[in-house]
Amino acid sequence: MVGIFLATSAFGEGLTLVCSGEALVTEKTTVKSNEIPLNPGDTLTDGVTFTGKRNMNAVLTFYINEEETEGWVKVPRSMRPAFSRKDKFSLTKLSVGESEINAKFKINFMNQPKIVINRNTGFIEYNGMGASFSGACEKIDVAKKKF
């Protein structure tokens, strides 16, 4: 009985979506070009850091409560800033319409990504600082196990 209660309180009777797609994330790479000897045992490494973008597959979990007043999004590590330990973020500015769901969430004071989900097609777009995501969402019934 406890297991059922925990599953219900974690997701509730609202709308749960699993969204699979492609993320575009910022990536930093340092290339070492020279090692300059200084004193015995010490070297100075000359290098260049490049910042670029890379595509990767990703999965988001999106939840809205039954009253459509609050919810959360679970973001994979690859799409979060390196210093962010949290993976689940409360939704703000949540708007649930007949054909579209709009929301924002706060990763930090500067990074407040926007999410738009088309309720007819299931298409999701996410735009934030350092990462963006587009993909397709499917409704899941958390009361039923997949296997």
N, C-alpha and C. Protein backbone atom coordinates (compact mmCIF):
# COMPACT_ATOMS: atom_id res chain seq x y z
N MET A 1 0.81 -1.19 0.00
CA MET A 1 0.00 0.00 0.00
C MET A 1 0.85 1.26 0.00
N VAL A 2 1.98 1.23 0.71
CA VAL A 2 2.86 2.38 0.77
C VAL A 2 3.42 2.69 -0.62
N GLY A 3 3.80 1.67 -1.37
CA GLY A 3 4.34 1.86 -2.71
C GLY A 3 3.35 2.56 -3.63
N ILE A 4 2.10 2.21 -3.53
CA ILE A 4 1.06 2.85 -4.35
C ILE A 4 0.92 4.31 -3.96
N PHE A 5 0.93 4.60 -2.67
CA PHE A 5 0.80 5.98 -2.21
C PHE A 5 1.97 6.83 -2.71
N LEU A 6 3.20 6.29 -2.64
CA LEU A 6 4.36 7.05 -3.09
C LEU A 6 4.30 7.32 -4.59
N ALA A 7 3.89 6.33 -5.37
CA ALA A 7 3.79 6.52 -6.81
C ALA A 7 2.74 7.56 -7.13
N THR A 8 1.63 7.55 -6.40
CA THR A 8 0.56 8.51 -6.64
C THR A 8 1.00 9.91 -6.25
N SER A 9 1.67 10.05 -5.11
CA SER A 9 2.07 11.38 -4.68
C SER A 9 3.22 11.93 -5.52
N ALA A 10 4.03 11.08 -6.11
CA ALA A 10 5.13 11.55 -6.93
C ALA A 10 4.63 12.10 -8.27
N PHE A 11 3.62 11.49 -8.84
CA PHE A 11 3.12 11.92 -10.14
C PHE A 11 1.69 12.45 -10.06
N GLY A 12 0.86 11.90 -9.19
CA GLY A 12 -0.52 12.33 -9.09
C GLY A 12 -1.34 11.87 -10.27
N GLU A 13 -2.50 12.46 -10.40
CA GLU A 13 -3.43 12.07 -11.46
C GLU A 13 -3.40 13.03 -12.64
N GLY A 14 -2.36 13.83 -12.74
CA GLY A 14 -2.28 14.81 -13.81
C GLY A 14 -1.81 14.20 -15.11
N LEU A 15 -1.11 15.01 -15.87
CA LEU A 15 -0.60 14.63 -17.19
C LEU A 15 0.90 14.41 -17.09
N THR A 16 1.37 13.21 -17.45
CA THR A 16 2.80 12.91 -17.48
C THR A 16 3.20 12.59 -18.91
N LEU A 17 4.22 13.27 -19.38
CA LEU A 17 4.73 13.08 -20.74
C LEU A 17 6.19 12.67 -20.70
N VAL A 18 6.57 11.76 -21.56
CA VAL A 18 7.97 11.45 -21.79
C VAL A 18 8.28 11.96 -23.19
N CYS A 19 9.28 12.84 -23.26
CA CYS A 19 9.60 13.51 -24.52
C CYS A 19 10.99 13.12 -24.98
N SER A 20 11.08 12.48 -26.14
CA SER A 20 12.36 12.04 -26.71
C SER A 20 12.69 12.91 -27.90
N GLY A 21 13.95 13.27 -28.02
CA GLY A 21 14.34 14.10 -29.15
C GLY A 21 15.82 14.38 -29.17
N GLU A 22 16.15 15.51 -29.76
CA GLU A 22 17.54 15.89 -29.94
C GLU A 22 17.82 17.20 -29.23
N ALA A 23 18.90 17.22 -28.45
CA ALA A 23 19.33 18.41 -27.73
C ALA A 23 20.55 19.00 -28.42
N LEU A 24 20.63 20.31 -28.39
CA LEU A 24 21.81 21.02 -28.87
C LEU A 24 22.41 21.67 -27.63
N VAL A 25 23.61 21.22 -27.24
CA VAL A 25 24.21 21.68 -25.98
C VAL A 25 25.56 22.35 -26.24
N THR A 26 25.90 23.30 -25.37
CA THR A 26 27.19 23.96 -25.43
C THR A 26 28.25 23.04 -24.85
N GLU A 27 29.38 23.00 -25.52
CA GLU A 27 30.46 22.13 -25.08
C GLU A 27 31.78 22.88 -25.17
N LYS A 28 32.60 22.77 -24.13
CA LYS A 28 33.93 23.39 -24.13
C LYS A 28 34.99 22.31 -24.27
N THR A 29 35.96 22.56 -25.14
CA THR A 29 37.06 21.63 -25.36
C THR A 29 38.36 22.40 -25.30
N THR A 30 39.32 21.89 -24.53
CA THR A 30 40.64 22.51 -24.46
C THR A 30 41.62 21.65 -25.22
N VAL A 31 42.35 22.28 -26.11
CA VAL A 31 43.37 21.59 -26.90
C VAL A 31 44.73 22.08 -26.43
N LYS A 32 45.56 21.14 -25.99
CA LYS A 32 46.91 21.49 -25.55
C LYS A 32 47.82 21.59 -26.77
N SER A 33 48.55 22.71 -26.87
CA SER A 33 49.39 22.88 -28.04
C SER A 33 50.87 22.74 -27.73
N ASN A 34 51.31 23.22 -26.57
CA ASN A 34 52.73 23.15 -26.20
C ASN A 34 52.88 22.94 -24.72
N GLU A 35 53.90 22.25 -24.34
CA GLU A 35 54.28 22.18 -22.94
C GLU A 35 55.62 22.86 -22.81
N ILE A 36 55.68 23.91 -22.01
CA ILE A 36 56.89 24.71 -21.87
C ILE A 36 57.53 24.38 -20.53
N PRO A 37 58.78 23.84 -20.51
CA PRO A 37 59.43 23.51 -19.24
C PRO A 37 59.81 24.79 -18.49
N LEU A 38 59.53 24.82 -17.20
CA LEU A 38 59.90 25.97 -16.37
C LEU A 38 61.05 25.59 -15.46
N ASN A 39 60.74 24.99 -14.36
CA ASN A 39 61.73 24.48 -13.42
C ASN A 39 61.66 22.96 -13.48
N PRO A 40 62.67 22.27 -12.97
CA PRO A 40 62.60 20.81 -12.98
C PRO A 40 61.30 20.32 -12.32
N GLY A 41 60.53 19.56 -13.05
CA GLY A 41 59.27 19.01 -12.54
C GLY A 41 58.06 19.88 -12.81
N ASP A 42 58.25 21.13 -13.25
CA ASP A 42 57.12 22.02 -13.54
C ASP A 42 57.06 22.30 -15.04
N THR A 43 55.86 22.32 -15.57
CA THR A 43 55.67 22.70 -16.97
C THR A 43 54.48 23.62 -17.07
N LEU A 44 54.51 24.47 -18.03
CA LEU A 44 53.39 25.35 -18.34
C LEU A 44 52.78 24.83 -19.62
N THR A 45 51.50 24.52 -19.57
CA THR A 45 50.83 23.99 -20.75
C THR A 45 50.13 25.14 -21.46
N ASP A 46 50.48 25.32 -22.70
CA ASP A 46 49.85 26.34 -23.54
C ASP A 46 48.69 25.65 -24.25
N GLY A 47 47.52 26.21 -24.17
CA GLY A 47 46.38 25.58 -24.80
C GLY A 47 45.33 26.58 -25.22
N VAL A 48 44.40 26.10 -25.99
CA VAL A 48 43.31 26.92 -26.48
C VAL A 48 42.00 26.23 -26.13
N THR A 49 41.06 26.99 -25.61
CA THR A 49 39.74 26.44 -25.29
C THR A 49 38.76 26.88 -26.37
N PHE A 50 38.07 25.90 -26.92
CA PHE A 50 37.05 26.16 -27.93
C PHE A 50 35.68 25.92 -27.32
N THR A 51 34.75 26.79 -27.61
CA THR A 51 33.37 26.60 -27.20
C THR A 51 32.54 26.37 -28.46
N GLY A 52 31.78 25.30 -28.44
CA GLY A 52 30.96 24.98 -29.59
C GLY A 52 29.67 24.31 -29.17
N LYS A 53 28.92 23.87 -30.12
CA LYS A 53 27.65 23.18 -29.87
C LYS A 53 27.73 21.78 -30.41
N ARG A 54 26.99 20.88 -29.76
CA ARG A 54 26.95 19.50 -30.26
C ARG A 54 25.54 18.95 -30.07
N ASN A 55 25.10 18.13 -31.02
CA ASN A 55 23.80 17.47 -30.96
C ASN A 55 23.92 16.15 -30.20
N MET A 56 22.88 15.85 -29.43
CA MET A 56 22.83 14.56 -28.73
C MET A 56 21.38 14.17 -28.49
N ASN A 57 21.13 12.88 -28.37
CA ASN A 57 19.80 12.39 -28.04
C ASN A 57 19.53 12.67 -26.57
N ALA A 58 18.28 12.98 -26.23
CA ALA A 58 17.92 13.26 -24.84
C ALA A 58 16.46 12.92 -24.61
N VAL A 59 16.12 12.73 -23.33
CA VAL A 59 14.75 12.45 -22.92
C VAL A 59 14.39 13.36 -21.75
N LEU A 60 13.27 14.06 -21.86
CA LEU A 60 12.73 14.90 -20.78
C LEU A 60 11.47 14.24 -20.25
N THR A 61 11.21 14.41 -18.96
CA THR A 61 9.93 14.00 -18.38
C THR A 61 9.22 15.26 -17.94
N PHE A 62 7.95 15.39 -18.30
CA PHE A 62 7.17 16.60 -18.06
C PHE A 62 5.90 16.21 -17.33
N TYR A 63 5.58 16.92 -16.26
CA TYR A 63 4.39 16.60 -15.46
C TYR A 63 3.60 17.86 -15.13
N ILE A 64 2.26 17.75 -15.25
CA ILE A 64 1.35 18.82 -14.83
C ILE A 64 0.28 18.18 -13.94
N ASN A 65 -0.02 18.83 -12.81
CA ASN A 65 -1.03 18.27 -11.90
C ASN A 65 -2.42 18.31 -12.52
N GLU A 66 -3.36 17.63 -11.88
CA GLU A 66 -4.72 17.50 -12.40
C GLU A 66 -5.41 18.85 -12.58
N GLU A 67 -5.12 19.80 -11.70
CA GLU A 67 -5.73 21.13 -11.77
C GLU A 67 -5.08 22.02 -12.82
N GLU A 68 -3.98 21.55 -13.41
CA GLU A 68 -3.21 22.28 -14.43
C GLU A 68 -2.69 23.61 -13.89
N THR A 69 -2.32 23.62 -12.60
CA THR A 69 -1.83 24.84 -11.97
C THR A 69 -0.34 24.79 -11.65
N GLU A 70 0.22 23.59 -11.57
CA GLU A 70 1.65 23.46 -11.31
C GLU A 70 2.16 22.15 -11.88
N GLY A 71 3.48 22.05 -11.93
CA GLY A 71 4.10 20.85 -12.46
C GLY A 71 5.60 20.95 -12.38
N TRP A 72 6.29 20.04 -13.07
CA TRP A 72 7.74 20.03 -13.08
C TRP A 72 8.25 19.41 -14.38
N VAL A 73 9.52 19.63 -14.63
CA VAL A 73 10.20 19.01 -15.76
C VAL A 73 11.49 18.39 -15.22
N LYS A 74 11.80 17.20 -15.70
CA LYS A 74 13.04 16.53 -15.33
C LYS A 74 13.97 16.60 -16.53
N VAL A 75 15.14 17.20 -16.32
CA VAL A 75 16.08 17.48 -17.40
C VAL A 75 17.33 16.62 -17.23
N PRO A 76 17.78 15.94 -18.29
CA PRO A 76 18.98 15.10 -18.16
C PRO A 76 20.24 15.93 -17.90
N ARG A 77 21.23 15.31 -17.28
CA ARG A 77 22.48 15.97 -16.91
C ARG A 77 23.14 16.67 -18.09
N SER A 78 23.10 16.05 -19.26
CA SER A 78 23.75 16.60 -20.44
C SER A 78 23.19 17.96 -20.86
N MET A 79 21.99 18.29 -20.40
CA MET A 79 21.35 19.56 -20.78
C MET A 79 21.39 20.60 -19.66
N ARG A 80 21.99 20.24 -18.52
CA ARG A 80 22.07 21.17 -17.39
C ARG A 80 23.47 21.74 -17.28
N PRO A 81 23.60 22.92 -16.64
CA PRO A 81 24.95 23.44 -16.40
C PRO A 81 25.75 22.47 -15.54
N ALA A 82 27.06 22.49 -15.67
CA ALA A 82 27.93 21.55 -14.97
C ALA A 82 27.75 21.60 -13.46
N PHE A 83 27.47 22.76 -12.91
CA PHE A 83 27.36 22.91 -11.46
C PHE A 83 25.98 22.57 -10.91
N SER A 84 25.03 22.26 -11.76
CA SER A 84 23.65 21.99 -11.33
C SER A 84 23.50 20.53 -10.91
N ARG A 85 23.20 20.31 -9.64
CA ARG A 85 22.99 18.95 -9.13
C ARG A 85 21.53 18.53 -9.24
N LYS A 86 20.67 19.51 -9.27
CA LYS A 86 19.23 19.27 -9.32
C LYS A 86 18.84 18.83 -10.73
N ASP A 87 17.90 17.87 -10.85
CA ASP A 87 17.46 17.44 -12.17
C ASP A 87 15.97 17.70 -12.41
N LYS A 88 15.22 18.00 -11.35
CA LYS A 88 13.79 18.24 -11.48
C LYS A 88 13.50 19.70 -11.09
N PHE A 89 12.80 20.42 -11.98
CA PHE A 89 12.57 21.85 -11.79
C PHE A 89 11.07 22.16 -11.84
N SER A 90 10.60 22.96 -10.91
CA SER A 90 9.20 23.37 -10.87
C SER A 90 8.89 24.29 -12.05
N LEU A 91 7.70 24.13 -12.61
CA LEU A 91 7.27 24.97 -13.72
C LEU A 91 6.77 26.31 -13.20
N THR A 92 7.05 27.37 -13.94
CA THR A 92 6.52 28.70 -13.65
C THR A 92 5.82 29.19 -14.92
N LYS A 93 4.99 30.17 -14.77
CA LYS A 93 4.25 30.74 -15.91
C LYS A 93 3.61 29.64 -16.76
N LEU A 94 3.00 28.68 -16.07
CA LEU A 94 2.35 27.55 -16.74
C LEU A 94 1.03 27.99 -17.35
N SER A 95 0.86 27.70 -18.62
CA SER A 95 -0.37 28.01 -19.33
C SER A 95 -0.78 26.79 -20.14
N VAL A 96 -1.95 26.23 -19.84
CA VAL A 96 -2.43 25.05 -20.54
C VAL A 96 -3.64 25.45 -21.37
N GLY A 97 -3.47 25.44 -22.69
CA GLY A 97 -4.55 25.79 -23.60
C GLY A 97 -5.09 24.55 -24.30
N GLU A 98 -6.06 24.77 -25.16
CA GLU A 98 -6.68 23.68 -25.92
C GLU A 98 -5.68 22.98 -26.84
N SER A 99 -4.76 23.77 -27.45
CA SER A 99 -3.84 23.18 -28.41
C SER A 99 -2.36 23.32 -28.04
N GLU A 100 -2.06 24.01 -26.91
CA GLU A 100 -0.66 24.24 -26.58
C GLU A 100 -0.45 24.36 -25.08
N ILE A 101 0.69 23.87 -24.63
CA ILE A 101 1.12 24.02 -23.24
C ILE A 101 2.39 24.87 -23.26
N ASN A 102 2.40 25.93 -22.46
CA ASN A 102 3.56 26.80 -22.34
C ASN A 102 3.99 26.85 -20.89
N ALA A 103 5.30 26.86 -20.67
CA ALA A 103 5.80 26.97 -19.30
C ALA A 103 7.25 27.43 -19.34
N LYS A 104 7.68 27.91 -18.19
CA LYS A 104 9.10 28.22 -17.97
C LYS A 104 9.52 27.49 -16.72
N PHE A 105 10.83 27.35 -16.54
CA PHE A 105 11.37 26.84 -15.29
C PHE A 105 12.71 27.50 -15.05
N LYS A 106 13.12 27.52 -13.80
CA LYS A 106 14.32 28.25 -13.41
C LYS A 106 15.44 27.29 -13.02
N ILE A 107 16.51 27.27 -13.82
CA ILE A 107 17.70 26.50 -13.49
C ILE A 107 18.57 27.32 -12.54
N ASN A 108 18.73 28.61 -12.87
CA ASN A 108 19.40 29.58 -12.01
C ASN A 108 18.86 30.96 -12.36
N PHE A 109 19.37 32.00 -11.72
CA PHE A 109 18.79 33.33 -11.91
C PHE A 109 18.91 33.83 -13.35
N MET A 110 19.88 33.34 -14.11
CA MET A 110 20.03 33.79 -15.50
C MET A 110 19.41 32.83 -16.51
N ASN A 111 19.30 31.58 -16.15
CA ASN A 111 18.85 30.55 -17.09
C ASN A 111 17.44 30.10 -16.73
N GLN A 112 16.45 30.61 -17.48
CA GLN A 112 15.05 30.28 -17.26
C GLN A 112 14.43 29.84 -18.58
N PRO A 113 14.67 28.58 -18.95
CA PRO A 113 14.21 28.07 -20.24
C PRO A 113 12.70 28.10 -20.41
N LYS A 114 12.29 28.20 -21.66
CA LYS A 114 10.87 28.19 -22.03
C LYS A 114 10.57 26.88 -22.74
N ILE A 115 9.41 26.30 -22.41
CA ILE A 115 8.96 25.05 -23.04
C ILE A 115 7.62 25.32 -23.73
N VAL A 116 7.48 24.83 -24.95
CA VAL A 116 6.22 24.89 -25.68
C VAL A 116 5.92 23.48 -26.20
N ILE A 117 4.73 22.98 -25.87
CA ILE A 117 4.32 21.64 -26.32
C ILE A 117 3.01 21.78 -27.10
N ASN A 118 3.00 21.27 -28.34
CA ASN A 118 1.80 21.26 -29.16
C ASN A 118 0.97 20.04 -28.75
N ARG A 119 -0.23 20.26 -28.26
CA ARG A 119 -1.06 19.16 -27.76
C ARG A 119 -1.65 18.30 -28.87
N ASN A 120 -1.67 18.80 -30.09
CA ASN A 120 -2.20 18.02 -31.21
C ASN A 120 -1.14 17.07 -31.80
N THR A 121 0.09 17.56 -31.93
CA THR A 121 1.14 16.76 -32.55
C THR A 121 2.08 16.11 -31.54
N GLY A 122 2.15 16.64 -30.33
CA GLY A 122 3.08 16.15 -29.33
C GLY A 122 4.47 16.75 -29.45
N PHE A 123 4.66 17.67 -30.40
CA PHE A 123 5.96 18.28 -30.63
C PHE A 123 6.32 19.22 -29.47
N ILE A 124 7.56 19.13 -28.97
CA ILE A 124 8.04 19.97 -27.88
C ILE A 124 9.26 20.77 -28.34
N GLU A 125 9.32 22.01 -27.89
CA GLU A 125 10.50 22.84 -28.09
C GLU A 125 10.90 23.41 -26.74
N TYR A 126 12.19 23.44 -26.48
CA TYR A 126 12.77 23.92 -25.24
C TYR A 126 13.94 24.81 -25.62
N ASN A 127 13.97 26.03 -25.11
CA ASN A 127 15.09 26.93 -25.38
C ASN A 127 15.59 27.52 -24.08
N GLY A 128 16.87 27.32 -23.81
CA GLY A 128 17.50 27.85 -22.62
C GLY A 128 18.91 28.30 -22.93
N MET A 129 19.59 28.84 -21.93
CA MET A 129 20.99 29.25 -22.09
C MET A 129 21.86 28.00 -22.17
N GLY A 130 22.56 27.84 -23.26
CA GLY A 130 23.48 26.72 -23.38
C GLY A 130 22.87 25.42 -23.87
N ALA A 131 21.55 25.35 -23.97
CA ALA A 131 20.92 24.11 -24.44
C ALA A 131 19.56 24.40 -25.06
N SER A 132 19.24 23.64 -26.08
CA SER A 132 17.90 23.67 -26.66
C SER A 132 17.51 22.22 -26.94
N PHE A 133 16.22 21.99 -27.13
CA PHE A 133 15.73 20.63 -27.31
C PHE A 133 14.49 20.68 -28.18
N SER A 134 14.35 19.71 -29.06
CA SER A 134 13.11 19.53 -29.82
C SER A 134 12.88 18.04 -29.95
N GLY A 135 11.60 17.66 -29.88
CA GLY A 135 11.30 16.24 -29.96
C GLY A 135 9.81 15.98 -29.93
N ALA A 136 9.46 14.75 -29.62
CA ALA A 136 8.07 14.31 -29.59
C ALA A 136 7.74 13.76 -28.21
N CYS A 137 6.57 14.14 -27.70
CA CYS A 137 6.13 13.70 -26.38
C CYS A 137 5.03 12.65 -26.51
N GLU A 138 5.06 11.72 -25.57
CA GLU A 138 4.00 10.73 -25.47
C GLU A 138 3.46 10.73 -24.06
N LYS A 139 2.15 10.64 -23.97
CA LYS A 139 1.51 10.57 -22.66
C LYS A 139 1.74 9.17 -22.10
N ILE A 140 2.10 9.12 -20.81
CA ILE A 140 2.24 7.81 -20.18
C ILE A 140 1.30 7.72 -18.99
N ASP A 141 0.84 6.53 -18.74
CA ASP A 141 -0.02 6.26 -17.60
C ASP A 141 0.85 5.66 -16.51
N VAL A 142 1.18 6.47 -15.49
CA VAL A 142 2.10 6.01 -14.45
C VAL A 142 1.48 4.95 -13.55
N ALA A 143 0.16 4.77 -13.63
CA ALA A 143 -0.50 3.73 -12.83
C ALA A 143 -0.28 2.35 -13.45
N LYS A 144 0.06 2.30 -14.75
CA LYS A 144 0.29 1.03 -15.43
C LYS A 144 1.77 0.85 -15.69
N LYS A 145 2.28 -0.31 -15.36
CA LYS A 145 3.69 -0.61 -15.63
C LYS A 145 3.86 -0.99 -17.08
N LYS A 146 4.98 -0.62 -17.64
CA LYS A 146 5.25 -0.99 -19.02
C LYS A 146 5.62 -2.47 -19.13
N PHE A 147 6.30 -2.97 -18.12
CA PHE A 147 6.66 -4.40 -18.11
C PHE A 147 6.79 -4.87 -16.69
